[in-house]
Amino acid sequence: QVQLLESGGGLVQSGESLTLSCKVSGDIWRIYAMAWFRQIPGKSREFVAGLTSGGAATYGDFVKGRFTISHGNSKDTLFLTMNDLQGEDTADYFCSGTKTFPDYTTLARWDFWGPGTHVTVST
Protein backbone atom coordinates (compact mmCIF):
# COMPACT_ATOMS: atom_id res chain seq x y z
CA GLN A 1 0.00 0.00 0.00
CA VAL A 2 0.96 3.63 -0.44
CA GLN A 3 0.48 6.47 2.01
CA LEU A 4 0.65 10.15 1.12
CA LEU A 5 0.81 13.01 3.59
CA GLU A 6 0.80 16.65 2.61
CA SER A 7 2.26 19.53 4.60
CA GLY A 8 3.18 23.15 4.12
CA GLY A 9 -0.21 24.77 3.81
CA GLY A 10 -1.06 27.94 5.65
CA LEU A 11 -1.95 31.60 5.34
CA VAL A 12 -0.04 33.87 2.98
CA GLN A 13 -0.54 37.30 1.51
CA SER A 14 -1.37 37.91 -2.12
CA GLY A 15 1.79 37.83 -4.24
CA GLU A 16 3.73 35.67 -1.78
CA SER A 17 5.11 32.16 -2.28
CA LEU A 18 4.54 28.84 -0.57
CA THR A 19 5.94 25.35 -1.03
CA LEU A 20 3.83 22.30 -0.33
CA SER A 21 5.36 18.91 0.41
CA CYS A 22 3.95 15.41 0.06
CA LYS A 23 5.71 12.59 1.86
CA VAL A 24 5.32 9.22 0.18
CA SER A 25 5.66 6.01 2.18
CA GLY A 26 4.92 2.35 1.64
CA ASP A 27 5.16 0.70 -1.79
CA ILE A 28 6.62 3.65 -3.62
CA TRP A 29 7.60 1.40 -6.54
CA ARG A 30 3.90 1.07 -7.42
CA ILE A 31 3.61 4.73 -8.37
CA TYR A 32 4.09 5.70 -12.03
CA ALA A 33 3.17 9.36 -11.69
CA MET A 34 2.20 11.85 -9.03
CA ALA A 35 0.23 15.04 -9.07
CA TRP A 36 -1.24 17.88 -7.11
CA PHE A 37 -4.93 18.63 -7.27
CA ARG A 38 -6.86 21.30 -5.46
CA GLN A 39 -10.42 21.86 -4.38
CA ILE A 40 -11.85 25.31 -3.94
CA PRO A 41 -14.84 25.42 -1.58
CA GLY A 42 -18.03 24.68 -3.48
CA LYS A 43 -16.18 23.52 -6.61
CA SER A 44 -14.94 20.25 -8.04
CA ARG A 45 -11.42 19.02 -7.47
CA GLU A 46 -9.14 20.24 -10.24
CA PHE A 47 -5.72 19.32 -11.60
CA VAL A 48 -2.84 21.60 -10.63
CA ALA A 49 0.39 19.90 -11.67
CA GLY A 50 1.66 16.40 -12.44
CA LEU A 51 5.02 14.66 -12.71
CA THR A 52 5.84 11.26 -14.13
CA SER A 53 8.59 9.04 -12.79
CA GLY A 54 10.54 9.97 -15.91
CA GLY A 55 10.39 13.65 -15.02
CA ALA A 56 7.75 14.89 -17.46
CA ALA A 57 5.82 17.77 -15.87
CA THR A 58 2.36 18.96 -16.81
CA TYR A 59 0.45 21.93 -15.42
CA GLY A 60 -3.13 23.10 -15.29
CA ASP A 61 -3.97 26.01 -17.57
CA PHE A 62 -4.53 28.41 -14.69
CA VAL A 63 -0.97 27.92 -13.39
CA LYS A 64 0.53 30.17 -16.08
CA GLY A 65 4.14 29.59 -15.02
CA ARG A 66 3.60 30.40 -11.35
CA PHE A 67 3.92 26.86 -9.92
CA THR A 68 6.65 24.24 -10.16
CA ILE A 69 6.26 20.55 -9.34
CA SER A 70 9.33 18.53 -8.41
CA HIS A 71 10.59 15.41 -6.65
CA GLY A 72 13.05 15.25 -3.81
CA ASN A 73 16.33 13.45 -4.54
CA SER A 74 15.03 10.15 -3.20
CA LYS A 75 11.67 10.61 -4.93
CA ASP A 76 9.83 9.90 -1.70
CA THR A 77 8.77 13.52 -1.45
CA LEU A 78 6.80 15.56 -3.96
CA PHE A 79 6.89 19.34 -3.86
CA LEU A 80 4.74 22.10 -5.26
CA THR A 81 6.35 25.51 -5.23
CA MET A 82 3.77 28.22 -5.73
CA ASN A 83 4.73 31.79 -6.57
CA ASP A 84 2.65 34.92 -6.94
CA LEU A 85 -0.27 33.39 -5.08
CA GLN A 86 -3.64 35.07 -5.51
CA GLY A 87 -6.92 34.91 -3.64
CA GLU A 88 -8.34 32.47 -6.18
CA ASP A 89 -5.61 30.01 -5.22
CA THR A 90 -7.22 29.56 -1.81
CA ALA A 91 -8.09 25.87 -1.65
CA ASP A 92 -7.39 22.48 -0.17
CA TYR A 93 -4.42 20.98 -1.99
CA PHE A 94 -4.15 17.21 -2.41
CA CYS A 95 -1.25 14.99 -3.36
CA SER A 96 -2.09 11.97 -5.48
CA GLY A 97 -0.40 9.01 -7.14
CA THR A 98 -1.33 6.66 -9.95
CA LYS A 99 -0.06 3.19 -10.87
CA THR A 100 -0.67 3.77 -14.56
CA PHE A 101 0.00 6.38 -17.23
CA PRO A 102 -1.44 9.62 -15.83
CA ASP A 103 -4.80 10.96 -16.93
CA TYR A 104 -4.95 14.37 -15.33
CA THR A 105 -8.57 14.92 -16.33
CA THR A 106 -10.01 11.86 -14.62
CA LEU A 107 -9.87 11.72 -10.83
CA ALA A 108 -10.94 8.08 -10.77
CA ARG A 109 -7.69 7.11 -12.48
CA TRP A 110 -5.72 8.22 -9.44
CA ASP A 111 -5.15 5.41 -6.96
CA PHE A 112 -3.71 7.09 -3.90
CA TRP A 113 -4.64 10.32 -2.15
CA GLY A 114 -3.41 12.27 0.81
CA PRO A 115 -5.78 13.98 3.27
CA GLY A 116 -4.91 17.44 1.92
CA THR A 117 -3.43 20.65 3.21
CA HIS A 118 -5.20 23.99 3.19
CA VAL A 119 -3.84 27.16 1.62
CA THR A 120 -5.40 30.53 2.29
CA VAL A 121 -4.28 33.56 0.31
CA SER A 122 -5.26 36.85 1.88
CA THR A 123 -5.96 39.69 -0.54
C-alpha atoms as a PDB file:
ATOM      1  CA  GLN A   1       0.000   0.000   0.000  1.00  0.00           C
ATOM      2  CA  VAL A   2       0.964   3.634  -0.440  1.00  0.00           C
ATOM      3  CA  GLN A   3       0.481   6.472   2.010  1.00  0.00           C
ATOM      4  CA  LEU A   4       0.648  10.149   1.122  1.00  0.00           C
ATOM      5  CA  LEU A   5       0.814  13.012   3.587  1.00  0.00           C
ATOM      6  CA  GLU A   6       0.800  16.650   2.607  1.00  0.00           C
ATOM      7  CA  SER A   7       2.256  19.526   4.597  1.00  0.00           C
ATOM      8  CA  GLY A   8       3.178  23.152   4.124  1.00  0.00           C
ATOM      9  CA  GLY A   9      -0.213  24.767   3.815  1.00  0.00           C
ATOM     10  CA  GLY A  10      -1.064  27.943   5.648  1.00  0.00           C
ATOM     11  CA  LEU A  11      -1.954  31.603   5.345  1.00  0.00           C
ATOM     12  CA  VAL A  12      -0.041  33.870   2.977  1.00  0.00           C
ATOM     13  CA  GLN A  13      -0.544  37.303   1.510  1.00  0.00           C
ATOM     14  CA  SER A  14      -1.365  37.915  -2.118  1.00  0.00           C
ATOM     15  CA  GLY A  15       1.790  37.831  -4.236  1.00  0.00           C
ATOM     16  CA  GLU A  16       3.729  35.669  -1.784  1.00  0.00           C
ATOM     17  CA  SER A  17       5.106  32.164  -2.284  1.00  0.00           C
ATOM     18  CA  LEU A  18       4.542  28.839  -0.574  1.00  0.00           C
ATOM     19  CA  THR A  19       5.944  25.350  -1.027  1.00  0.00           C
ATOM     20  CA  LEU A  20       3.832  22.297  -0.328  1.00  0.00           C
ATOM     21  CA  SER A  21       5.356  18.906   0.414  1.00  0.00           C
ATOM     22  CA  CYS A  22       3.954  15.407   0.055  1.00  0.00           C
ATOM     23  CA  LYS A  23       5.709  12.588   1.864  1.00  0.00           C
ATOM     24  CA  VAL A  24       5.315   9.220   0.181  1.00  0.00           C
ATOM     25  CA  SER A  25       5.656   6.014   2.179  1.00  0.00           C
ATOM     26  CA  GLY A  26       4.916   2.345   1.641  1.00  0.00           C
ATOM     27  CA  ASP A  27       5.160   0.701  -1.786  1.00  0.00           C
ATOM     28  CA  ILE A  28       6.624   3.655  -3.620  1.00  0.00           C
ATOM     29  CA  TRP A  29       7.600   1.399  -6.539  1.00  0.00           C
ATOM     30  CA  ARG A  30       3.900   1.075  -7.423  1.00  0.00           C
ATOM     31  CA  ILE A  31       3.612   4.734  -8.374  1.00  0.00           C
ATOM     32  CA  TYR A  32       4.089   5.702 -12.027  1.00  0.00           C
ATOM     33  CA  ALA A  33       3.169   9.363 -11.686  1.00  0.00           C
ATOM     34  CA  MET A  34       2.204  11.855  -9.029  1.00  0.00           C
ATOM     35  CA  ALA A  35       0.228  15.041  -9.067  1.00  0.00           C
ATOM     36  CA  TRP A  36      -1.240  17.883  -7.112  1.00  0.00           C
ATOM     37  CA  PHE A  37      -4.934  18.634  -7.273  1.00  0.00           C
ATOM     38  CA  ARG A  38      -6.864  21.303  -5.460  1.00  0.00           C
ATOM     39  CA  GLN A  39     -10.423  21.864  -4.384  1.00  0.00           C
ATOM     40  CA  ILE A  40     -11.848  25.308  -3.936  1.00  0.00           C
ATOM     41  CA  PRO A  41     -14.839  25.424  -1.582  1.00  0.00           C
ATOM     42  CA  GLY A  42     -18.025  24.678  -3.484  1.00  0.00           C
ATOM     43  CA  LYS A  43     -16.176  23.515  -6.608  1.00  0.00           C
ATOM     44  CA  SER A  44     -14.942  20.249  -8.041  1.00  0.00           C
ATOM     45  CA  ARG A  45     -11.422  19.018  -7.469  1.00  0.00           C
ATOM     46  CA  GLU A  46      -9.135  20.244 -10.239  1.00  0.00           C
ATOM     47  CA  PHE A  47      -5.718  19.316 -11.598  1.00  0.00           C
ATOM     48  CA  VAL A  48      -2.835  21.603 -10.634  1.00  0.00           C
ATOM     49  CA  ALA A  49       0.391  19.896 -11.670  1.00  0.00           C
ATOM     50  CA  GLY A  50       1.656  16.399 -12.439  1.00  0.00           C
ATOM     51  CA  LEU A  51       5.016  14.659 -12.709  1.00  0.00           C
ATOM     52  CA  THR A  52       5.836  11.259 -14.129  1.00  0.00           C
ATOM     53  CA  SER A  53       8.591   9.035 -12.788  1.00  0.00           C
ATOM     54  CA  GLY A  54      10.540   9.973 -15.910  1.00  0.00           C
ATOM     55  CA  GLY A  55      10.395  13.649 -15.024  1.00  0.00           C
ATOM     56  CA  ALA A  56       7.755  14.894 -17.463  1.00  0.00           C
ATOM     57  CA  ALA A  57       5.817  17.767 -15.871  1.00  0.00           C
ATOM     58  CA  THR A  58       2.358  18.963 -16.813  1.00  0.00           C
ATOM     59  CA  TYR A  59       0.445  21.932 -15.425  1.00  0.00           C
ATOM     60  CA  GLY A  60      -3.126  23.103 -15.292  1.00  0.00           C
ATOM     61  CA  ASP A  61      -3.971  26.010 -17.573  1.00  0.00           C
ATOM     62  CA  PHE A  62      -4.528  28.413 -14.691  1.00  0.00           C
ATOM     63  CA  VAL A  63      -0.970  27.919 -13.389  1.00  0.00           C
ATOM     64  CA  LYS A  64       0.532  30.173 -16.083  1.00  0.00           C
ATOM     65  CA  GLY A  65       4.135  29.593 -15.020  1.00  0.00           C
ATOM     66  CA  ARG A  66       3.599  30.399 -11.352  1.00  0.00           C
ATOM     67  CA  PHE A  67       3.924  26.861  -9.922  1.00  0.00           C
ATOM     68  CA  THR A  68       6.654  24.236 -10.162  1.00  0.00           C
ATOM     69  CA  ILE A  69       6.263  20.550  -9.344  1.00  0.00           C
ATOM     70  CA  SER A  70       9.327  18.526  -8.407  1.00  0.00           C
ATOM     71  CA  HIS A  71      10.588  15.413  -6.655  1.00  0.00           C
ATOM     72  CA  GLY A  72      13.050  15.246  -3.810  1.00  0.00           C
ATOM     73  CA  ASN A  73      16.327  13.449  -4.536  1.00  0.00           C
ATOM     74  CA  SER A  74      15.032  10.148  -3.195  1.00  0.00           C
ATOM     75  CA  LYS A  75      11.674  10.613  -4.930  1.00  0.00           C
ATOM     76  CA  ASP A  76       9.831   9.899  -1.697  1.00  0.00           C
ATOM     77  CA  THR A  77       8.768  13.519  -1.453  1.00  0.00           C
ATOM     78  CA  LEU A  78       6.801  15.559  -3.959  1.00  0.00           C
ATOM     79  CA  PHE A  79       6.894  19.341  -3.864  1.00  0.00           C
ATOM     80  CA  LEU A  80       4.738  22.103  -5.258  1.00  0.00           C
ATOM     81  CA  THR A  81       6.354  25.508  -5.228  1.00  0.00           C
ATOM     82  CA  MET A  82       3.772  28.217  -5.729  1.00  0.00           C
ATOM     83  CA  ASN A  83       4.733  31.788  -6.566  1.00  0.00           C
ATOM     84  CA  ASP A  84       2.646  34.919  -6.945  1.00  0.00           C
ATOM     85  CA  LEU A  85      -0.268  33.394  -5.075  1.00  0.00           C
ATOM     86  CA  GLN A  86      -3.635  35.067  -5.507  1.00  0.00           C
ATOM     87  CA  GLY A  87      -6.922  34.907  -3.642  1.00  0.00           C
ATOM     88  CA  GLU A  88      -8.344  32.466  -6.179  1.00  0.00           C
ATOM     89  CA  ASP A  89      -5.607  30.007  -5.224  1.00  0.00           C
ATOM     90  CA  THR A  90      -7.218  29.556  -1.809  1.00  0.00           C
ATOM     91  CA  ALA A  91      -8.090  25.865  -1.654  1.00  0.00           C
ATOM     92  CA  ASP A  92      -7.389  22.480  -0.166  1.00  0.00           C
ATOM     93  CA  TYR A  93      -4.416  20.977  -1.993  1.00  0.00           C
ATOM     94  CA  PHE A  94      -4.149  17.211  -2.407  1.00  0.00           C
ATOM     95  CA  CYS A  95      -1.247  14.991  -3.362  1.00  0.00           C
ATOM     96  CA  SER A  96      -2.085  11.967  -5.485  1.00  0.00           C
ATOM     97  CA  GLY A  97      -0.401   9.012  -7.135  1.00  0.00           C
ATOM     98  CA  THR A  98      -1.326   6.656  -9.953  1.00  0.00           C
ATOM     99  CA  LYS A  99      -0.057   3.186 -10.867  1.00  0.00           C
ATOM    100  CA  THR A 100      -0.668   3.771 -14.559  1.00  0.00           C
ATOM    101  CA  PHE A 101       0.001   6.380 -17.235  1.00  0.00           C
ATOM    102  CA  PRO A 102      -1.442   9.615 -15.828  1.00  0.00           C
ATOM    103  CA  ASP A 103      -4.796  10.957 -16.934  1.00  0.00           C
ATOM    104  CA  TYR A 104      -4.946  14.369 -15.329  1.00  0.00           C
ATOM    105  CA  THR A 105      -8.570  14.925 -16.334  1.00  0.00           C
ATOM    106  CA  THR A 106     -10.010  11.861 -14.620  1.00  0.00           C
ATOM    107  CA  LEU A 107      -9.867  11.721 -10.829  1.00  0.00           C
ATOM    108  CA  ALA A 108     -10.944   8.076 -10.767  1.00  0.00           C
ATOM    109  CA  ARG A 109      -7.691   7.111 -12.482  1.00  0.00           C
ATOM    110  CA  TRP A 110      -5.716   8.221  -9.444  1.00  0.00           C
ATOM    111  CA  ASP A 111      -5.154   5.408  -6.959  1.00  0.00           C
ATOM    112  CA  PHE A 112      -3.707   7.091  -3.897  1.00  0.00           C
ATOM    113  CA  TRP A 113      -4.637  10.322  -2.153  1.00  0.00           C
ATOM    114  CA  GLY A 114      -3.409  12.270   0.808  1.00  0.00           C
ATOM    115  CA  PRO A 115      -5.778  13.984   3.271  1.00  0.00           C
ATOM    116  CA  GLY A 116      -4.909  17.436   1.916  1.00  0.00           C
ATOM    117  CA  THR A 117      -3.427  20.653   3.209  1.00  0.00           C
ATOM    118  CA  HIS A 118      -5.200  23.991   3.194  1.00  0.00           C
ATOM    119  CA  VAL A 119      -3.837  27.159   1.622  1.00  0.00           C
ATOM    120  CA  THR A 120      -5.404  30.530   2.293  1.00  0.00           C
ATOM    121  CA  VAL A 121      -4.278  33.557   0.310  1.00  0.00           C
ATOM    122  CA  SER A 122      -5.259  36.851   1.883  1.00  0.00           C
ATOM    123  CA  THR A 123      -5.956  39.693  -0.536  1.00  0.00           C
END
